[in-house]
Amino acid sequence: MDISSVTRSVPAPAQSVPAEQTDKAAQARDVVQAVKALNASEMFGDNILEFQRDSETHRMLIRVVNRKTKEIVSQIPPDYVLRLAESLKIPKE
């Protein structure tokens, strides 16, 4: 019985980027361009809009920051909400 045809190696199909990842990347680029356009328009006066990921909760933050002093004028979600979310996490064993 000849099994050589069964055991020969078949080349793996080419890996392609899933459409979902491509869509997310395109959406992220659109958001970055929109934020840059808003900041360039000086719609917020002396303030700029920033998107940032919180280092502890890994949630996205939207901040309005003073251009000159770098002081955070407003943040969504507020810091107390992030700390509450962090404290509600189940401890890892």
PDB file of N, CA and C in Angstrom:
ATOM      1  N   MET A   1       0.855  -1.177   0.000  1.00  0.00           N
ATOM      2  CA  MET A   1       0.000   0.000   0.000  1.00  0.00           C
ATOM      3  C   MET A   1       0.896   1.233   0.000  1.00  0.00           C
ATOM      4  N   ASP A   2       0.681   2.126  -0.933  1.00  0.00           N
ATOM      5  CA  ASP A   2       1.486   3.343  -1.073  1.00  0.00           C
ATOM      6  C   ASP A   2       0.784   4.488  -0.357  1.00  0.00           C
ATOM      7  N   ILE A   3       1.445   5.027   0.676  1.00  0.00           N
ATOM      8  CA  ILE A   3       0.849   6.148   1.419  1.00  0.00           C
ATOM      9  C   ILE A   3       1.630   7.444   1.201  1.00  0.00           C
ATOM     10  N   SER A   4       2.536   7.447   0.236  1.00  0.00           N
ATOM     11  CA  SER A   4       3.355   8.634   0.000  1.00  0.00           C
ATOM     12  C   SER A   4       2.505   9.853  -0.349  1.00  0.00           C
ATOM     13  N   SER A   5       1.402   9.667  -1.024  1.00  0.00           N
ATOM     14  CA  SER A   5       0.560  10.811  -1.375  1.00  0.00           C
ATOM     15  C   SER A   5      -0.144  11.400  -0.153  1.00  0.00           C
ATOM     16  N   VAL A   6      -0.344  10.598   0.881  1.00  0.00           N
ATOM     17  CA  VAL A   6      -1.016  11.062   2.083  1.00  0.00           C
ATOM     18  C   VAL A   6      -0.053  11.821   2.989  1.00  0.00           C
ATOM     19  N   THR A   7       1.197  11.397   3.028  1.00  0.00           N
ATOM     20  CA  THR A   7       2.149  11.984   3.962  1.00  0.00           C
ATOM     21  C   THR A   7       2.932  13.152   3.397  1.00  0.00           C
ATOM     22  N   ARG A   8       2.783  13.450   2.126  1.00  0.00           N
ATOM     23  CA  ARG A   8       3.540  14.585   1.584  1.00  0.00           C
ATOM     24  C   ARG A   8       3.069  15.880   2.235  1.00  0.00           C
ATOM     25  N   SER A   9       3.982  16.783   2.354  1.00  0.00           N
ATOM     26  CA  SER A   9       3.635  18.037   3.027  1.00  0.00           C
ATOM     27  C   SER A   9       2.872  18.946   2.083  1.00  0.00           C
ATOM     28  N   VAL A  10       1.912  19.597   2.646  1.00  0.00           N
ATOM     29  CA  VAL A  10       1.085  20.541   1.910  1.00  0.00           C
ATOM     30  C   VAL A  10       1.470  21.928   2.387  1.00  0.00           C
ATOM     31  N   PRO A  11       1.756  22.843   1.458  1.00  0.00           N
ATOM     32  CA  PRO A  11       2.129  24.191   1.908  1.00  0.00           C
ATOM     33  C   PRO A  11       0.977  24.842   2.672  1.00  0.00           C
ATOM     34  N   ALA A  12       1.347  25.535   3.736  1.00  0.00           N
ATOM     35  CA  ALA A  12       0.347  26.224   4.547  1.00  0.00           C
ATOM     36  C   ALA A  12      -0.229  27.396   3.763  1.00  0.00           C
ATOM     37  N   PRO A  13      -1.521  27.635   3.929  1.00  0.00           N
ATOM     38  CA  PRO A  13      -2.111  28.776   3.224  1.00  0.00           C
ATOM     39  C   PRO A  13      -1.507  30.083   3.733  1.00  0.00           C
ATOM     40  N   ALA A  14      -1.437  31.044   2.862  1.00  0.00           N
ATOM     41  CA  ALA A  14      -0.879  32.347   3.236  1.00  0.00           C
ATOM     42  C   ALA A  14      -1.714  32.978   4.343  1.00  0.00           C
ATOM     43  N   GLN A  15      -1.032  33.551   5.327  1.00  0.00           N
ATOM     44  CA  GLN A  15      -1.722  34.216   6.431  1.00  0.00           C
ATOM     45  C   GLN A  15      -2.196  35.583   5.951  1.00  0.00           C
ATOM     46  N   SER A  16      -3.442  35.857   6.177  1.00  0.00           N
ATOM     47  CA  SER A  16      -3.965  37.160   5.795  1.00  0.00           C
ATOM     48  C   SER A  16      -4.473  37.871   7.046  1.00  0.00           C
ATOM     49  N   VAL A  17      -4.486  39.168   6.988  1.00  0.00           N
ATOM     50  CA  VAL A  17      -4.962  39.962   8.114  1.00  0.00           C
ATOM     51  C   VAL A  17      -6.485  39.933   8.092  1.00  0.00           C
ATOM     52  N   PRO A  18      -7.093  39.547   9.223  1.00  0.00           N
ATOM     53  CA  PRO A  18      -8.559  39.518   9.257  1.00  0.00           C
ATOM     54  C   PRO A  18      -9.143  40.898   8.971  1.00  0.00           C
ATOM     55  N   ALA A  19     -10.289  40.903   8.317  1.00  0.00           N
ATOM     56  CA  ALA A  19     -10.948  42.165   7.969  1.00  0.00           C
ATOM     57  C   ALA A  19     -11.263  42.994   9.201  1.00  0.00           C
ATOM     58  N   GLU A  20     -11.561  42.325  10.318  1.00  0.00           N
ATOM     59  CA  GLU A  20     -11.892  43.042  11.552  1.00  0.00           C
ATOM     60  C   GLU A  20     -10.705  43.872  12.039  1.00  0.00           C
ATOM     61  N   GLN A  21      -9.488  43.309  11.985  1.00  0.00           N
ATOM     62  CA  GLN A  21      -8.294  44.058  12.405  1.00  0.00           C
ATOM     63  C   GLN A  21      -8.053  45.243  11.484  1.00  0.00           C
ATOM     64  N   THR A  22      -8.254  45.041  10.198  1.00  0.00           N
ATOM     65  CA  THR A  22      -8.069  46.119   9.229  1.00  0.00           C
ATOM     66  C   THR A  22      -9.067  47.238   9.498  1.00  0.00           C
ATOM     67  N   ASP A  23     -10.311  46.883   9.792  1.00  0.00           N
ATOM     68  CA  ASP A  23     -11.344  47.879  10.089  1.00  0.00           C
ATOM     69  C   ASP A  23     -10.998  48.669  11.350  1.00  0.00           C
ATOM     70  N   LYS A  24     -10.516  47.981  12.385  1.00  0.00           N
ATOM     71  CA  LYS A  24     -10.161  48.660  13.632  1.00  0.00           C
ATOM     72  C   LYS A  24      -8.998  49.619  13.410  1.00  0.00           C
ATOM     73  N   ALA A  25      -8.019  49.204  12.615  1.00  0.00           N
ATOM     74  CA  ALA A  25      -6.878  50.067  12.331  1.00  0.00           C
ATOM     75  C   ALA A  25      -7.326  51.299  11.552  1.00  0.00           C
ATOM     76  N   ALA A  26      -8.225  51.113  10.601  1.00  0.00           N
ATOM     77  CA  ALA A  26      -8.737  52.242   9.820  1.00  0.00           C
ATOM     78  C   ALA A  26      -9.536  53.189  10.715  1.00  0.00           C
ATOM     79  N   GLN A  27     -10.319  52.640  11.626  1.00  0.00           N
ATOM     80  CA  GLN A  27     -11.090  53.473  12.546  1.00  0.00           C
ATOM     81  C   GLN A  27     -10.164  54.254  13.475  1.00  0.00           C
ATOM     82  N   ALA A  28      -9.102  53.608  13.945  1.00  0.00           N
ATOM     83  CA  ALA A  28      -8.149  54.294  14.823  1.00  0.00           C
ATOM     84  C   ALA A  28      -7.479  55.451  14.089  1.00  0.00           C
ATOM     85  N   ARG A  29      -7.108  55.232  12.833  1.00  0.00           N
ATOM     86  CA  ARG A  29      -6.508  56.313  12.032  1.00  0.00           C
ATOM     87  C   ARG A  29      -7.492  57.459  11.847  1.00  0.00           C
ATOM     88  N   ASP A  30      -8.760  57.136  11.628  1.00  0.00           N
ATOM     89  CA  ASP A  30      -9.787  58.171  11.463  1.00  0.00           C
ATOM     90  C   ASP A  30      -9.936  59.006  12.735  1.00  0.00           C
ATOM     91  N   VAL A  31      -9.904  58.341  13.885  1.00  0.00           N
ATOM     92  CA  VAL A  31     -10.027  59.061  15.159  1.00  0.00           C
ATOM     93  C   VAL A  31      -8.832  59.976  15.362  1.00  0.00           C
ATOM     94  N   VAL A  32      -7.627  59.470  15.093  1.00  0.00           N
ATOM     95  CA  VAL A  32      -6.412  60.286  15.240  1.00  0.00           C
ATOM     96  C   VAL A  32      -6.480  61.511  14.342  1.00  0.00           C
ATOM     97  N   GLN A  33      -6.898  61.321  13.097  1.00  0.00           N
ATOM     98  CA  GLN A  33      -7.001  62.456  12.169  1.00  0.00           C
ATOM     99  C   GLN A  33      -8.052  63.458  12.640  1.00  0.00           C
ATOM    100  N   ALA A  34      -9.173  62.972  13.164  1.00  0.00           N
ATOM    101  CA  ALA A  34     -10.223  63.871  13.642  1.00  0.00           C
ATOM    102  C   ALA A  34      -9.747  64.683  14.840  1.00  0.00           C
ATOM    103  N   VAL A  35      -9.030  64.038  15.770  1.00  0.00           N
ATOM    104  CA  VAL A  35      -8.516  64.745  16.949  1.00  0.00           C
ATOM    105  C   VAL A  35      -7.495  65.791  16.526  1.00  0.00           C
ATOM    106  N   LYS A  36      -6.615  65.442  15.599  1.00  0.00           N
ATOM    107  CA  LYS A  36      -5.627  66.410  15.112  1.00  0.00           C
ATOM    108  C   LYS A  36      -6.319  67.605  14.460  1.00  0.00           C
ATOM    109  N   ALA A  37      -7.368  67.348  13.691  1.00  0.00           N
ATOM    110  CA  ALA A  37      -8.101  68.434  13.042  1.00  0.00           C
ATOM    111  C   ALA A  37      -8.776  69.325  14.076  1.00  0.00           C
ATOM    112  N   LEU A  38      -9.377  68.725  15.106  1.00  0.00           N
ATOM    113  CA  LEU A  38     -10.013  69.516  16.170  1.00  0.00           C
ATOM    114  C   LEU A  38      -8.986  70.375  16.905  1.00  0.00           C
ATOM    115  N   ASN A  39      -7.849  69.784  17.240  1.00  0.00           N
ATOM    116  CA  ASN A  39      -6.821  70.531  17.955  1.00  0.00           C
ATOM    117  C   ASN A  39      -6.240  71.648  17.090  1.00  0.00           C
ATOM    118  N   ALA A  40      -6.095  71.410  15.796  1.00  0.00           N
ATOM    119  CA  ALA A  40      -5.576  72.435  14.888  1.00  0.00           C
ATOM    120  C   ALA A  40      -6.568  73.582  14.714  1.00  0.00           C
ATOM    121  N   SER A  41      -7.860  73.284  14.822  1.00  0.00           N
ATOM    122  CA  SER A  41      -8.886  74.310  14.647  1.00  0.00           C
ATOM    123  C   SER A  41      -8.996  75.235  15.853  1.00  0.00           C
ATOM    124  N   GLU A  42      -8.338  74.851  16.954  1.00  0.00           N
ATOM    125  CA  GLU A  42      -8.384  75.605  18.209  1.00  0.00           C
ATOM    126  C   GLU A  42      -9.819  75.780  18.710  1.00  0.00           C
ATOM    127  N   MET A  43     -10.642  74.790  18.432  1.00  0.00           N
ATOM    128  CA  MET A  43     -12.029  74.794  18.872  1.00  0.00           C
ATOM    129  C   MET A  43     -12.137  74.848  20.392  1.00  0.00           C
ATOM    130  N   PHE A  44     -11.140  74.283  21.079  1.00  0.00           N
ATOM    131  CA  PHE A  44     -11.144  74.251  22.538  1.00  0.00           C
ATOM    132  C   PHE A  44     -10.343  75.404  23.143  1.00  0.00           C
ATOM    133  N   GLY A  45     -10.026  76.412  22.343  1.00  0.00           N
ATOM    134  CA  GLY A  45      -9.279  77.563  22.840  1.00  0.00           C
ATOM    135  C   GLY A  45      -7.871  77.186  23.240  1.00  0.00           C
ATOM    136  N   ASP A  46      -7.520  77.424  24.504  1.00  0.00           N
ATOM    137  CA  ASP A  46      -6.181  77.097  25.008  1.00  0.00           C
ATOM    138  C   ASP A  46      -6.029  75.619  25.352  1.00  0.00           C
ATOM    139  N   ASN A  47      -7.039  74.825  25.086  1.00  0.00           N
ATOM    140  CA  ASN A  47      -7.017  73.411  25.443  1.00  0.00           C
ATOM    141  C   ASN A  47      -6.908  72.524  24.215  1.00  0.00           C
ATOM    142  N   ILE A  48      -6.445  71.293  24.451  1.00  0.00           N
ATOM    143  CA  ILE A  48      -6.382  70.297  23.379  1.00  0.00           C
ATOM    144  C   ILE A  48      -7.081  69.029  23.852  1.00  0.00           C
ATOM    145  N   LEU A  49      -7.509  68.232  22.891  1.00  0.00           N
ATOM    146  CA  LEU A  49      -8.171  66.968  23.159  1.00  0.00           C
ATOM    147  C   LEU A  49      -7.133  65.859  23.051  1.00  0.00           C
ATOM    148  N   GLU A  50      -7.126  64.935  24.032  1.00  0.00           N
ATOM    149  CA  GLU A  50      -6.195  63.803  24.015  1.00  0.00           C
ATOM    150  C   GLU A  50      -6.949  62.509  24.280  1.00  0.00           C
ATOM    151  N   PHE A  51      -6.507  61.446  23.621  1.00  0.00           N
ATOM    152  CA  PHE A  51      -6.985  60.105  23.912  1.00  0.00           C
ATOM    153  C   PHE A  51      -5.798  59.358  24.490  1.00  0.00           C
ATOM    154  N   GLN A  52      -6.039  58.603  25.569  1.00  0.00           N
ATOM    155  CA  GLN A  52      -4.948  57.918  26.238  1.00  0.00           C
ATOM    156  C   GLN A  52      -5.495  56.684  26.932  1.00  0.00           C
ATOM    157  N   ARG A  53      -4.663  55.658  27.072  1.00  0.00           N
ATOM    158  CA  ARG A  53      -5.073  54.449  27.785  1.00  0.00           C
ATOM    159  C   ARG A  53      -4.557  54.541  29.219  1.00  0.00           C
ATOM    160  N   ASP A  54      -5.460  54.298  30.198  1.00  0.00           N
ATOM    161  CA  ASP A  54      -5.078  54.312  31.603  1.00  0.00           C
ATOM    162  C   ASP A  54      -4.162  53.119  31.867  1.00  0.00           C
ATOM    163  N   SER A  55      -3.032  53.364  32.502  1.00  0.00           N
ATOM    164  CA  SER A  55      -2.031  52.310  32.702  1.00  0.00           C
ATOM    165  C   SER A  55      -2.489  51.218  33.666  1.00  0.00           C
ATOM    166  N   GLU A  56      -3.381  51.529  34.591  1.00  0.00           N
ATOM    167  CA  GLU A  56      -3.818  50.532  35.571  1.00  0.00           C
ATOM    168  C   GLU A  56      -5.036  49.739  35.116  1.00  0.00           C
ATOM    169  N   THR A  57      -6.041  50.424  34.582  1.00  0.00           N
ATOM    170  CA  THR A  57      -7.281  49.741  34.190  1.00  0.00           C
ATOM    171  C   THR A  57      -7.301  49.364  32.717  1.00  0.00           C
ATOM    172  N   HIS A  58      -6.387  49.929  31.945  1.00  0.00           N
ATOM    173  CA  HIS A  58      -6.297  49.703  30.496  1.00  0.00           C
ATOM    174  C   HIS A  58      -7.548  50.171  29.752  1.00  0.00           C
ATOM    175  N   ARG A  59      -8.253  51.116  30.330  1.00  0.00           N
ATOM    176  CA  ARG A  59      -9.432  51.707  29.686  1.00  0.00           C
ATOM    177  C   ARG A  59      -9.013  52.985  28.970  1.00  0.00           C
ATOM    178  N   MET A  60      -9.736  53.307  27.918  1.00  0.00           N
ATOM    179  CA  MET A  60      -9.433  54.527  27.171  1.00  0.00           C
ATOM    180  C   MET A  60      -9.945  55.747  27.926  1.00  0.00           C
ATOM    181  N   LEU A  61      -9.145  56.802  27.898  1.00  0.00           N
ATOM    182  CA  LEU A  61      -9.500  58.071  28.524  1.00  0.00           C
ATOM    183  C   LEU A  61      -9.600  59.138  27.449  1.00  0.00           C
ATOM    184  N   ILE A  62     -10.504  60.056  27.653  1.00  0.00           N
ATOM    185  CA  ILE A  62     -10.590  61.254  26.817  1.00  0.00           C
ATOM    186  C   ILE A  62     -10.312  62.419  27.746  1.00  0.00           C
ATOM    187  N   ARG A  63      -9.307  63.203  27.403  1.00  0.00           N
ATOM    188  CA  ARG A  63      -8.927  64.317  28.262  1.00  0.00           C
ATOM    189  C   ARG A  63      -8.923  65.620  27.483  1.00  0.00           C
ATOM    190  N   VAL A  64      -9.306  66.683  28.182  1.00  0.00           N
ATOM    191  CA  VAL A  64      -9.126  68.044  27.690  1.00  0.00           C
ATOM    192  C   VAL A  64      -7.995  68.609  28.540  1.00  0.00           C
ATOM    193  N   VAL A  65      -6.887  68.994  27.872  1.00  0.00           N
ATOM    194  CA  VAL A  65      -5.672  69.414  28.559  1.00  0.00           C
ATOM    195  C   VAL A  65      -5.318  70.837  28.138  1.00  0.00           C
ATOM    196  N   ASN A  66      -4.912  71.673  29.109  1.00  0.00           N
ATOM    197  CA  ASN A  66      -4.459  73.031  28.817  1.00  0.00           C
ATOM    198  C   ASN A  66      -3.151  72.958  28.043  1.00  0.00           C
ATOM    199  N   ARG A  67      -3.098  73.627  26.876  1.00  0.00           N
ATOM    200  CA  ARG A  67      -1.895  73.594  26.030  1.00  0.00           C
ATOM    201  C   ARG A  67      -0.655  74.117  26.742  1.00  0.00           C
ATOM    202  N   LYS A  68      -0.821  75.167  27.510  1.00  0.00           N
ATOM    203  CA  LYS A  68       0.328  75.840  28.117  1.00  0.00           C
ATOM    204  C   LYS A  68       0.796  75.156  29.392  1.00  0.00           C
ATOM    205  N   THR A  69      -0.129  74.881  30.294  1.00  0.00           N
ATOM    206  CA  THR A  69       0.241  74.339  31.606  1.00  0.00           C
ATOM    207  C   THR A  69       0.239  72.814  31.653  1.00  0.00           C
ATOM    208  N   LYS A  70      -0.343  72.163  30.642  1.00  0.00           N
ATOM    209  CA  LYS A  70      -0.494  70.702  30.585  1.00  0.00           C
ATOM    210  C   LYS A  70      -1.391  70.157  31.698  1.00  0.00           C
ATOM    211  N   GLU A  71      -2.154  71.056  32.336  1.00  0.00           N
ATOM    212  CA  GLU A  71      -3.088  70.662  33.387  1.00  0.00           C
ATOM    213  C   GLU A  71      -4.303  69.993  32.748  1.00  0.00           C
ATOM    214  N   ILE A  72      -4.786  68.913  33.371  1.00  0.00           N
ATOM    215  CA  ILE A  72      -5.984  68.231  32.888  1.00  0.00           C
ATOM    216  C   ILE A  72      -7.197  69.037  33.325  1.00  0.00           C
ATOM    217  N   VAL A  73      -7.926  69.553  32.338  1.00  0.00           N
ATOM    218  CA  VAL A  73      -9.102  70.368  32.605  1.00  0.00           C
ATOM    219  C   VAL A  73     -10.309  69.477  32.865  1.00  0.00           C
ATOM    220  N   SER A  74     -10.439  68.414  32.071  1.00  0.00           N
ATOM    221  CA  SER A  74     -11.566  67.499  32.187  1.00  0.00           C
ATOM    222  C   SER A  74     -11.128  66.129  31.691  1.00  0.00           C
ATOM    223  N   GLN A  75     -11.770  65.086  32.228  1.00  0.00           N
ATOM    224  CA  GLN A  75     -11.424  63.727  31.815  1.00  0.00           C
ATOM    225  C   GLN A  75     -12.667  62.862  31.838  1.00  0.00           C
ATOM    226  N   ILE A  76     -12.795  62.011  30.815  1.00  0.00           N
ATOM    227  CA  ILE A  76     -13.899  61.050  30.745  1.00  0.00           C
ATOM    228  C   ILE A  76     -13.275  59.669  30.549  1.00  0.00           C
ATOM    229  N   PRO A  77     -13.563  58.682  31.372  1.00  0.00           N
ATOM    230  CA  PRO A  77     -14.259  58.755  32.646  1.00  0.00           C
ATOM    231  C   PRO A  77     -13.389  59.439  33.700  1.00  0.00           C
ATOM    232  N   PRO A  78     -14.029  60.006  34.705  1.00  0.00           N
ATOM    233  CA  PRO A  78     -13.272  60.671  35.763  1.00  0.00           C
ATOM    234  C   PRO A  78     -12.352  59.692  36.502  1.00  0.00           C
ATOM    235  N   ASP A  79     -11.319  60.228  37.114  1.00  0.00           N
ATOM    236  CA  ASP A  79     -10.328  59.419  37.808  1.00  0.00           C
ATOM    237  C   ASP A  79     -10.952  58.547  38.884  1.00  0.00           C
ATOM    238  N   TYR A  80     -11.931  59.089  39.630  1.00  0.00           N
ATOM    239  CA  TYR A  80     -12.536  58.295  40.702  1.00  0.00           C
ATOM    240  C   TYR A  80     -13.267  57.067  40.152  1.00  0.00           C
ATOM    241  N   VAL A  81     -13.806  57.156  38.952  1.00  0.00           N
ATOM    242  CA  VAL A  81     -14.477  56.009  38.337  1.00  0.00           C
ATOM    243  C   VAL A  81     -13.455  54.942  37.967  1.00  0.00           C
ATOM    244  N   LEU A  82     -12.294  55.370  37.451  1.00  0.00           N
ATOM    245  CA  LEU A  82     -11.233  54.417  37.111  1.00  0.00           C
ATOM    246  C   LEU A  82     -10.731  53.689  38.355  1.00  0.00           C
ATOM    247  N   ARG A  83     -10.542  54.421  39.446  1.00  0.00           N
ATOM    248  CA  ARG A  83     -10.055  53.800  40.681  1.00  0.00           C
ATOM    249  C   ARG A  83     -11.099  52.841  41.249  1.00  0.00           C
ATOM    250  N   LEU A  84     -12.371  53.205  41.132  1.00  0.00           N
ATOM    251  CA  LEU A  84     -13.441  52.317  41.583  1.00  0.00           C
ATOM    252  C   LEU A  84     -13.436  51.028  40.765  1.00  0.00           C
ATOM    253  N   ALA A  85     -13.311  51.148  39.457  1.00  0.00           N
ATOM    254  CA  ALA A  85     -13.274  49.975  38.579  1.00  0.00           C
ATOM    255  C   ALA A  85     -12.084  49.092  38.921  1.00  0.00           C
ATOM    256  N   GLU A  86     -10.946  49.700  39.217  1.00  0.00           N
ATOM    257  CA  GLU A  86      -9.745  48.948  39.575  1.00  0.00           C
ATOM    258  C   GLU A  86      -9.950  48.209  40.897  1.00  0.00           C
ATOM    259  N   SER A  87     -10.597  48.857  41.873  1.00  0.00           N
ATOM    260  CA  SER A  87     -10.794  48.230  43.184  1.00  0.00           C
ATOM    261  C   SER A  87     -11.811  47.088  43.134  1.00  0.00           C
ATOM    262  N   LEU A  88     -12.667  47.058  42.122  1.00  0.00           N
ATOM    263  CA  LEU A  88     -13.676  46.013  42.006  1.00  0.00           C
ATOM    264  C   LEU A  88     -13.165  44.763  41.294  1.00  0.00           C
ATOM    265  N   LYS A  89     -11.945  44.806  40.793  1.00  0.00           N
ATOM    266  CA  LYS A  89     -11.380  43.636  40.103  1.00  0.00           C
ATOM    267  C   LYS A  89     -11.203  42.487  41.088  1.00  0.00           C
ATOM    268  N   ILE A  90     -11.434  41.289  40.592  1.00  0.00           N
ATOM    269  CA  ILE A  90     -11.246  40.092  41.413  1.00  0.00           C
ATOM    270  C   ILE A  90      -9.747  39.817  41.492  1.00  0.00           C
ATOM    271  N   PRO A  91      -9.211  39.619  42.692  1.00  0.00           N
ATOM    272  CA  PRO A  91      -7.779  39.362  42.825  1.00  0.00           C
ATOM    273  C   PRO A  91      -7.390  38.066  42.129  1.00  0.00           C
ATOM    274  N   LYS A  92      -6.227  38.085  41.463  1.00  0.00           N
ATOM    275  CA  LYS A  92      -5.718  36.880  40.800  1.00  0.00           C
ATOM    276  C   LYS A  92      -4.982  36.023  41.812  1.00  0.00           C
ATOM    277  N   GLU A  93      -5.171  34.723  41.728  1.00  0.00           N
ATOM    278  CA  GLU A  93      -4.505  33.828  42.680  1.00  0.00           C
ATOM    279  C   GLU A  93      -3.301  33.191  42.065  1.00  0.00           C
TER     280      GLU A  93
END
